Structures are given as C-alpha cells and as structure tokens.
C-alpha cells in the first residue's frame, strides 16, 4: 500500500516553485506526449495562490510552448482549497489533509477524474483520467519542489 504525506496547510505547502513533468497518453490512438516545465504558486490578490505553469509540450513529434493558469482559493479548512480556472469558473475541490484526494470535473460530455497524492514535502503527483465521447486520455504529472 502506498504511503501518503498529510498536508495540514495546503496553500502554504504549495507556495513556491515546482518542476513539472507530465506524460500524456491517448488511449484510443496510442499517441503519447510530454510536457516539461515549471509551476509557480504565487500570492493571489484577495487571498489564495495563483498557479502559473509554463514550459514545452511535445505531441506527435511537434514541440511548442505551453502555459496554464489556475486559482487556488482558501477552502473551509487550511488543508483544503477551491481550485478555479483563470477566469474564475469552478474546476474542483482539493483536500490533501490525508495526502490523497480524488476530484471529478465534468466538461461537456467528458469526465475528468483527478487523483492527487503527496509523497513528502518536496514531491506530489496528479493523475487525470479523461473519458467520454471526445477524449480518452491519461495525464500523469510529477511535481518536485525547486530550491
């Protein structure tokens, strides 16, 4: 059985810079891709953290710049957060008080199911399984805290 590292204060834990490595696999076609970059959790006006990700994504032999922005807002307790897209739309709740959380996000007819696991103070992982008529993907991202 895997061991998870409980997080008492989610926003304090995530704050800072993380190296991000993501593999993407299309289960329908067999295609694979890879993202390499950095994720920064910086202060957000009004409280919370602004998650900015930047790097390069390679898909079907083509490498291009890739970015993503999310908002991590304070949750009901310090171990929880309300994750939102950059424009403020809800994405999912996140509770890492046990070191592991599963979240769902319906997107049109597809369902995104994410599993978040924390190994220790410097390592955590997300695994998103995306299924539905438009997508059949697995995305695995490993985060390593940068000094």
N, C-alpha and C. Protein backbone atom coordinates (compact mmCIF):
# COMPACT_ATOMS: atom_id res chain seq x y z
N UNK A 1 0.83 -1.18 0.00
CA UNK A 1 0.00 0.00 0.00
C UNK A 1 0.87 1.25 0.00
N UNK A 2 0.49 2.24 -0.80
CA UNK A 2 1.25 3.48 -0.88
C UNK A 2 1.09 4.29 0.40
N UNK A 3 2.15 5.00 0.74
CA UNK A 3 2.12 5.91 1.88
C UNK A 3 1.92 7.33 1.36
N UNK A 4 1.01 8.05 1.99
CA UNK A 4 0.76 9.43 1.60
C UNK A 4 1.19 10.35 2.73
N UNK A 5 1.55 11.57 2.37
CA UNK A 5 2.03 12.55 3.33
C UNK A 5 0.93 13.57 3.57
N UNK A 6 0.31 13.58 4.77
CA UNK A 6 -0.78 14.52 5.04
C UNK A 6 -0.31 15.97 4.99
N UNK A 7 -1.18 16.83 4.46
CA UNK A 7 -0.87 18.26 4.33
C UNK A 7 -1.83 19.04 5.22
N UNK A 8 -1.29 19.68 6.26
CA UNK A 8 -2.13 20.43 7.20
C UNK A 8 -2.56 21.77 6.62
N UNK A 9 -1.67 22.44 5.88
CA UNK A 9 -1.98 23.75 5.30
C UNK A 9 -1.65 23.67 3.81
N UNK A 10 -2.66 23.45 3.00
CA UNK A 10 -2.49 23.22 1.56
C UNK A 10 -1.82 24.38 0.85
N UNK A 11 -2.31 25.59 1.07
CA UNK A 11 -1.75 26.74 0.35
C UNK A 11 -0.30 27.00 0.76
N UNK A 12 0.02 26.86 2.04
CA UNK A 12 1.41 27.03 2.48
C UNK A 12 2.30 25.95 1.87
N UNK A 13 1.78 24.74 1.77
CA UNK A 13 2.56 23.63 1.21
C UNK A 13 2.87 23.87 -0.27
N UNK A 14 1.89 24.34 -1.03
CA UNK A 14 2.08 24.50 -2.48
C UNK A 14 2.88 25.75 -2.85
N UNK A 15 2.88 26.77 -2.00
CA UNK A 15 3.53 28.04 -2.33
C UNK A 15 4.98 27.82 -2.76
N UNK A 16 5.35 28.47 -3.86
CA UNK A 16 6.72 28.39 -4.35
C UNK A 16 6.81 27.84 -5.76
N UNK A 17 8.00 27.37 -6.11
CA UNK A 17 8.29 26.87 -7.47
C UNK A 17 8.43 25.36 -7.46
N UNK A 18 7.86 24.75 -8.49
CA UNK A 18 7.91 23.30 -8.66
C UNK A 18 8.31 22.97 -10.09
N UNK A 19 9.16 21.98 -10.25
CA UNK A 19 9.47 21.42 -11.57
C UNK A 19 8.34 20.48 -11.93
N UNK A 20 7.79 20.58 -13.13
CA UNK A 20 6.66 19.75 -13.56
C UNK A 20 7.03 18.92 -14.78
N UNK A 21 6.79 17.62 -14.69
CA UNK A 21 7.00 16.68 -15.80
C UNK A 21 5.68 15.95 -16.00
N UNK A 22 5.10 16.03 -17.20
CA UNK A 22 3.80 15.42 -17.47
C UNK A 22 3.88 14.51 -18.69
N UNK A 23 3.35 13.31 -18.53
CA UNK A 23 3.19 12.42 -19.68
C UNK A 23 1.70 12.40 -20.04
N UNK A 24 1.43 12.36 -21.33
CA UNK A 24 0.06 12.33 -21.83
C UNK A 24 -0.05 11.14 -22.76
N UNK A 25 -1.08 10.33 -22.53
CA UNK A 25 -1.29 9.15 -23.38
C UNK A 25 -2.73 9.14 -23.86
N UNK A 26 -2.91 9.08 -25.17
CA UNK A 26 -4.23 8.94 -25.77
C UNK A 26 -4.50 7.45 -25.88
N UNK A 27 -5.43 6.96 -25.08
CA UNK A 27 -5.69 5.52 -25.05
C UNK A 27 -6.35 5.02 -26.33
N UNK A 28 -7.05 5.89 -27.04
CA UNK A 28 -7.72 5.49 -28.28
C UNK A 28 -6.73 5.33 -29.43
N UNK A 29 -5.82 6.29 -29.57
CA UNK A 29 -4.90 6.27 -30.71
C UNK A 29 -3.54 5.67 -30.39
N UNK A 30 -3.18 5.65 -29.11
CA UNK A 30 -1.85 5.21 -28.71
C UNK A 30 -0.81 6.31 -28.74
N UNK A 31 -1.20 7.52 -29.17
CA UNK A 31 -0.26 8.64 -29.20
C UNK A 31 0.18 9.02 -27.79
N UNK A 32 1.41 9.50 -27.68
CA UNK A 32 1.92 9.97 -26.39
C UNK A 32 2.52 11.35 -26.55
N UNK A 33 2.51 12.08 -25.46
CA UNK A 33 3.11 13.41 -25.43
C UNK A 33 3.80 13.64 -24.11
N UNK A 34 4.54 14.76 -24.04
CA UNK A 34 5.30 15.05 -22.83
C UNK A 34 5.39 16.55 -22.63
N UNK A 35 5.13 16.99 -21.40
CA UNK A 35 5.29 18.39 -21.00
C UNK A 35 6.43 18.46 -20.00
N UNK A 36 7.31 19.45 -20.17
CA UNK A 36 8.36 19.74 -19.22
C UNK A 36 8.32 21.23 -18.93
N UNK A 37 8.28 21.58 -17.65
CA UNK A 37 8.24 23.00 -17.34
C UNK A 37 8.28 23.27 -15.86
N UNK A 38 7.77 24.43 -15.51
CA UNK A 38 7.77 24.91 -14.14
C UNK A 38 6.37 25.36 -13.76
N UNK A 39 6.00 25.06 -12.52
CA UNK A 39 4.74 25.54 -11.96
C UNK A 39 5.08 26.43 -10.78
N UNK A 40 4.54 27.64 -10.78
CA UNK A 40 4.76 28.59 -9.69
C UNK A 40 3.43 28.84 -9.01
N UNK A 41 3.40 28.69 -7.69
CA UNK A 41 2.25 29.05 -6.87
C UNK A 41 2.62 30.33 -6.14
N UNK A 42 2.10 31.47 -6.65
CA UNK A 42 2.41 32.76 -6.06
C UNK A 42 1.18 33.39 -5.45
N UNK A 43 1.36 34.45 -4.67
CA UNK A 43 0.23 35.10 -4.00
C UNK A 43 -0.81 35.59 -4.99
N UNK A 44 -2.06 35.45 -4.60
CA UNK A 44 -3.19 35.90 -5.40
C UNK A 44 -3.86 37.05 -4.67
N UNK A 45 -4.13 38.16 -5.36
CA UNK A 45 -4.82 39.28 -4.73
C UNK A 45 -6.12 38.79 -4.12
N UNK A 46 -6.37 39.15 -2.86
CA UNK A 46 -7.58 38.75 -2.18
C UNK A 46 -7.45 37.42 -1.44
N UNK A 47 -6.29 36.79 -1.50
CA UNK A 47 -6.05 35.53 -0.80
C UNK A 47 -5.99 34.35 -1.74
N UNK A 48 -5.23 33.36 -1.35
CA UNK A 48 -5.06 32.18 -2.17
C UNK A 48 -3.77 32.24 -2.96
N UNK A 49 -3.68 31.34 -3.95
CA UNK A 49 -2.48 31.25 -4.78
C UNK A 49 -2.85 31.27 -6.26
N UNK A 50 -2.01 31.93 -7.04
CA UNK A 50 -2.13 31.90 -8.49
C UNK A 50 -1.14 30.85 -8.99
N UNK A 51 -1.67 29.83 -9.66
CA UNK A 51 -0.89 28.72 -10.21
C UNK A 51 -0.59 29.07 -11.66
N UNK A 52 0.68 29.27 -11.98
CA UNK A 52 1.07 29.54 -13.37
C UNK A 52 2.05 28.46 -13.80
N UNK A 53 1.74 27.84 -14.92
CA UNK A 53 2.56 26.76 -15.44
C UNK A 53 3.06 27.17 -16.82
N UNK A 54 4.34 26.95 -17.07
CA UNK A 54 4.89 27.27 -18.38
C UNK A 54 6.00 26.27 -18.70
N UNK A 55 6.10 25.95 -19.98
CA UNK A 55 7.12 25.01 -20.41
C UNK A 55 6.91 24.66 -21.87
N UNK A 56 7.33 23.45 -22.24
CA UNK A 56 7.15 22.99 -23.61
C UNK A 56 6.37 21.68 -23.61
N UNK A 57 5.53 21.51 -24.62
CA UNK A 57 4.72 20.31 -24.78
C UNK A 57 5.03 19.72 -26.14
N UNK A 58 5.36 18.42 -26.14
CA UNK A 58 5.64 17.71 -27.39
C UNK A 58 4.51 16.73 -27.62
N UNK A 59 3.88 16.83 -28.80
CA UNK A 59 2.78 15.95 -29.18
C UNK A 59 2.93 15.60 -30.65
N UNK A 60 2.95 14.33 -30.96
CA UNK A 60 3.09 13.83 -32.32
C UNK A 60 4.33 14.43 -33.00
N UNK A 61 5.41 14.52 -32.25
CA UNK A 61 6.69 14.98 -32.78
C UNK A 61 6.84 16.48 -32.89
N UNK A 62 5.83 17.25 -32.50
CA UNK A 62 5.90 18.70 -32.59
C UNK A 62 5.99 19.28 -31.17
N UNK A 63 7.03 20.10 -30.94
CA UNK A 63 7.23 20.74 -29.64
C UNK A 63 6.83 22.21 -29.75
N UNK A 64 6.04 22.65 -28.77
CA UNK A 64 5.60 24.05 -28.77
C UNK A 64 5.49 24.55 -27.33
N UNK A 65 5.49 25.87 -27.13
CA UNK A 65 5.31 26.42 -25.78
C UNK A 65 3.91 26.08 -25.25
N UNK A 66 3.82 25.90 -23.93
CA UNK A 66 2.54 25.59 -23.31
C UNK A 66 2.45 26.34 -21.98
N UNK A 67 1.26 26.90 -21.70
CA UNK A 67 1.03 27.60 -20.44
C UNK A 67 -0.36 27.24 -19.91
N UNK A 68 -0.52 27.44 -18.61
CA UNK A 68 -1.81 27.21 -17.96
C UNK A 68 -1.83 28.03 -16.69
N UNK A 69 -3.00 28.57 -16.35
CA UNK A 69 -3.17 29.36 -15.13
C UNK A 69 -4.41 28.88 -14.40
N UNK A 70 -4.27 28.68 -13.09
CA UNK A 70 -5.38 28.31 -12.22
C UNK A 70 -5.34 29.18 -10.97
N UNK A 71 -6.46 29.22 -10.26
CA UNK A 71 -6.54 29.91 -8.98
C UNK A 71 -6.83 28.90 -7.89
N UNK A 72 -6.04 28.91 -6.83
CA UNK A 72 -6.26 28.05 -5.67
C UNK A 72 -6.74 28.97 -4.54
N UNK A 73 -8.03 28.89 -4.23
CA UNK A 73 -8.62 29.75 -3.22
C UNK A 73 -8.71 29.01 -1.89
N UNK A 74 -8.64 29.73 -0.76
CA UNK A 74 -8.73 29.06 0.53
C UNK A 74 -10.02 28.26 0.65
N UNK A 75 -9.90 27.06 1.22
CA UNK A 75 -11.05 26.20 1.44
C UNK A 75 -11.63 26.40 2.83
N UNK A 76 -12.52 25.50 3.23
CA UNK A 76 -13.19 25.59 4.53
C UNK A 76 -12.21 25.40 5.69
N UNK A 77 -11.13 24.65 5.46
CA UNK A 77 -10.09 24.44 6.46
C UNK A 77 -8.74 24.64 5.77
N UNK A 78 -7.66 24.82 6.53
CA UNK A 78 -6.35 25.06 5.90
C UNK A 78 -5.88 23.93 4.98
N UNK A 79 -6.33 22.69 5.17
CA UNK A 79 -5.90 21.58 4.33
C UNK A 79 -6.66 21.47 3.03
N UNK A 80 -7.58 22.41 2.79
CA UNK A 80 -8.44 22.35 1.60
C UNK A 80 -8.32 23.62 0.77
N UNK A 81 -8.65 23.47 -0.53
CA UNK A 81 -8.67 24.62 -1.45
C UNK A 81 -9.79 24.43 -2.46
N UNK A 82 -10.22 25.54 -3.00
CA UNK A 82 -11.21 25.58 -4.08
C UNK A 82 -10.43 25.96 -5.33
N UNK A 83 -10.28 25.03 -6.27
CA UNK A 83 -9.48 25.26 -7.47
C UNK A 83 -10.39 25.79 -8.57
N UNK A 84 -9.97 26.88 -9.19
CA UNK A 84 -10.76 27.53 -10.23
C UNK A 84 -9.89 27.78 -11.46
N UNK A 85 -10.56 27.85 -12.62
CA UNK A 85 -9.86 28.23 -13.83
C UNK A 85 -9.46 29.70 -13.73
N UNK A 86 -8.61 30.17 -14.62
CA UNK A 86 -8.12 31.55 -14.59
C UNK A 86 -9.26 32.56 -14.63
N UNK A 87 -10.36 32.23 -15.33
CA UNK A 87 -11.48 33.17 -15.44
C UNK A 87 -12.44 33.08 -14.26
N UNK A 88 -12.14 32.25 -13.27
CA UNK A 88 -12.97 32.15 -12.07
C UNK A 88 -13.98 31.01 -12.07
N UNK A 89 -14.16 30.32 -13.20
CA UNK A 89 -15.09 29.19 -13.23
C UNK A 89 -14.58 28.07 -12.32
N UNK A 90 -15.49 27.37 -11.63
CA UNK A 90 -15.08 26.26 -10.76
C UNK A 90 -14.42 25.13 -11.54
N UNK A 91 -13.36 24.56 -10.97
CA UNK A 91 -12.71 23.39 -11.55
C UNK A 91 -12.97 22.19 -10.63
N UNK A 92 -12.41 22.22 -9.41
CA UNK A 92 -12.64 21.13 -8.46
C UNK A 92 -12.22 21.56 -7.07
N UNK A 93 -12.71 20.82 -6.07
CA UNK A 93 -12.25 20.99 -4.70
C UNK A 93 -10.98 20.17 -4.52
N UNK A 94 -10.18 20.54 -3.54
CA UNK A 94 -8.95 19.80 -3.26
C UNK A 94 -8.76 19.72 -1.75
N UNK A 95 -8.64 18.50 -1.22
CA UNK A 95 -8.45 18.27 0.21
C UNK A 95 -7.28 17.30 0.36
N UNK A 96 -6.14 17.81 0.80
CA UNK A 96 -4.95 16.97 0.94
C UNK A 96 -4.61 16.68 2.41
N UNK A 97 -5.60 16.81 3.30
CA UNK A 97 -5.34 16.55 4.71
C UNK A 97 -4.90 15.11 4.96
N UNK A 98 -5.29 14.17 4.10
CA UNK A 98 -4.85 12.78 4.22
C UNK A 98 -3.65 12.49 3.31
N UNK A 99 -3.28 13.45 2.47
CA UNK A 99 -2.21 13.25 1.50
C UNK A 99 -2.70 12.69 0.17
N UNK A 100 -4.00 12.45 0.07
CA UNK A 100 -4.58 11.90 -1.17
C UNK A 100 -5.98 12.45 -1.35
N UNK A 101 -6.33 12.76 -2.61
CA UNK A 101 -7.67 13.27 -2.90
C UNK A 101 -8.05 12.88 -4.33
N UNK A 102 -9.34 12.56 -4.52
CA UNK A 102 -9.87 12.29 -5.85
C UNK A 102 -10.93 13.35 -6.14
N UNK A 103 -10.83 13.97 -7.32
CA UNK A 103 -11.76 15.03 -7.72
C UNK A 103 -12.30 14.75 -9.11
N UNK A 104 -13.56 15.10 -9.32
CA UNK A 104 -14.19 14.98 -10.64
C UNK A 104 -14.50 16.35 -11.20
N UNK A 105 -14.38 16.47 -12.52
CA UNK A 105 -14.77 17.69 -13.22
C UNK A 105 -15.44 17.31 -14.54
N UNK A 106 -16.78 17.46 -14.62
CA UNK A 106 -17.45 17.21 -15.90
C UNK A 106 -17.16 18.36 -16.86
N UNK A 107 -16.85 18.01 -18.11
CA UNK A 107 -16.57 19.01 -19.14
C UNK A 107 -17.31 18.58 -20.39
N UNK A 108 -18.44 19.24 -20.67
CA UNK A 108 -19.33 18.82 -21.74
C UNK A 108 -19.70 17.36 -21.48
N UNK A 109 -19.49 16.47 -22.44
CA UNK A 109 -19.85 15.05 -22.26
C UNK A 109 -18.69 14.23 -21.69
N UNK A 110 -17.53 14.85 -21.49
CA UNK A 110 -16.37 14.14 -20.97
C UNK A 110 -16.29 14.31 -19.45
N UNK A 111 -15.65 13.36 -18.77
CA UNK A 111 -15.43 13.46 -17.34
C UNK A 111 -13.93 13.40 -17.06
N UNK A 112 -13.46 14.39 -16.32
CA UNK A 112 -12.08 14.43 -15.85
C UNK A 112 -12.09 13.93 -14.41
N UNK A 113 -11.32 12.89 -14.11
CA UNK A 113 -11.19 12.40 -12.74
C UNK A 113 -9.72 12.49 -12.37
N UNK A 114 -9.44 13.29 -11.35
CA UNK A 114 -8.06 13.51 -10.94
C UNK A 114 -7.77 12.89 -9.60
N UNK A 115 -6.61 12.24 -9.49
CA UNK A 115 -6.13 11.74 -8.21
C UNK A 115 -4.87 12.51 -7.85
N UNK A 116 -4.88 13.11 -6.68
CA UNK A 116 -3.77 13.91 -6.18
C UNK A 116 -3.13 13.15 -5.02
N UNK A 117 -1.82 12.95 -5.07
CA UNK A 117 -1.12 12.27 -3.98
C UNK A 117 0.13 13.05 -3.62
N UNK A 118 0.40 13.12 -2.32
CA UNK A 118 1.58 13.82 -1.81
C UNK A 118 2.50 12.77 -1.18
N UNK A 119 3.75 12.72 -1.65
CA UNK A 119 4.71 11.74 -1.14
C UNK A 119 5.49 12.29 0.06
N UNK A 120 5.87 13.58 -0.04
CA UNK A 120 6.59 14.23 1.05
C UNK A 120 6.57 15.74 0.78
N UNK A 121 7.34 16.49 1.56
CA UNK A 121 7.30 17.95 1.43
C UNK A 121 7.74 18.46 0.07
N UNK A 122 8.47 17.64 -0.67
CA UNK A 122 9.01 18.10 -1.95
C UNK A 122 8.52 17.37 -3.18
N UNK A 123 7.55 16.46 -3.03
CA UNK A 123 7.08 15.66 -4.17
C UNK A 123 5.58 15.41 -4.09
N UNK A 124 4.89 15.66 -5.19
CA UNK A 124 3.48 15.29 -5.28
C UNK A 124 3.14 14.97 -6.72
N UNK A 125 1.98 14.35 -6.94
CA UNK A 125 1.61 13.85 -8.27
C UNK A 125 0.12 14.04 -8.50
N UNK A 126 -0.20 14.31 -9.77
CA UNK A 126 -1.60 14.26 -10.20
C UNK A 126 -1.71 13.26 -11.34
N UNK A 127 -2.80 12.50 -11.32
CA UNK A 127 -3.14 11.59 -12.41
C UNK A 127 -4.55 11.92 -12.83
N UNK A 128 -4.71 12.44 -14.03
CA UNK A 128 -6.03 12.75 -14.58
C UNK A 128 -6.39 11.69 -15.61
N UNK A 129 -7.55 11.11 -15.45
CA UNK A 129 -8.12 10.17 -16.42
C UNK A 129 -9.29 10.90 -17.06
N UNK A 130 -9.24 11.09 -18.35
CA UNK A 130 -10.26 11.84 -19.08
C UNK A 130 -10.98 10.87 -20.01
N UNK A 131 -12.28 10.73 -19.81
CA UNK A 131 -13.03 9.80 -20.64
C UNK A 131 -14.34 10.38 -21.12
N UNK A 132 -14.75 9.98 -22.28
CA UNK A 132 -16.01 10.42 -22.85
C UNK A 132 -15.96 10.31 -24.36
N UNK A 133 -16.97 10.85 -25.02
CA UNK A 133 -17.01 10.71 -26.48
C UNK A 133 -15.90 11.46 -27.21
N UNK A 134 -15.37 12.54 -26.61
CA UNK A 134 -14.36 13.35 -27.30
C UNK A 134 -12.93 12.99 -26.90
N UNK A 135 -12.75 12.38 -25.71
CA UNK A 135 -11.40 12.15 -25.21
C UNK A 135 -11.29 10.82 -24.49
N UNK A 136 -10.10 10.23 -24.56
CA UNK A 136 -9.76 9.02 -23.82
C UNK A 136 -8.29 9.12 -23.47
N UNK A 137 -7.98 9.87 -22.41
CA UNK A 137 -6.60 10.24 -22.08
C UNK A 137 -6.22 9.89 -20.65
N UNK A 138 -4.93 9.73 -20.43
CA UNK A 138 -4.35 9.67 -19.10
C UNK A 138 -3.21 10.67 -19.06
N UNK A 139 -3.25 11.58 -18.08
CA UNK A 139 -2.21 12.58 -17.90
C UNK A 139 -1.61 12.41 -16.51
N UNK A 140 -0.31 12.18 -16.44
CA UNK A 140 0.38 11.99 -15.17
C UNK A 140 1.41 13.10 -15.02
N UNK A 141 1.29 13.87 -13.94
CA UNK A 141 2.23 14.97 -13.70
C UNK A 141 2.93 14.75 -12.37
N UNK A 142 4.24 14.80 -12.39
CA UNK A 142 5.06 14.73 -11.17
C UNK A 142 5.63 16.12 -10.92
N UNK A 143 5.50 16.55 -9.65
CA UNK A 143 5.99 17.85 -9.23
C UNK A 143 7.11 17.65 -8.22
N UNK A 144 8.22 18.37 -8.41
CA UNK A 144 9.35 18.33 -7.50
C UNK A 144 9.66 19.78 -7.12
N UNK A 145 9.68 20.04 -5.82
CA UNK A 145 9.95 21.40 -5.35
C UNK A 145 11.34 21.86 -5.77
N UNK A 146 11.40 23.08 -6.29
CA UNK A 146 12.69 23.67 -6.66
C UNK A 146 13.25 24.42 -5.44
N UNK A 147 14.58 24.37 -5.27
CA UNK A 147 15.19 25.06 -4.11
C UNK A 147 15.04 26.56 -4.21
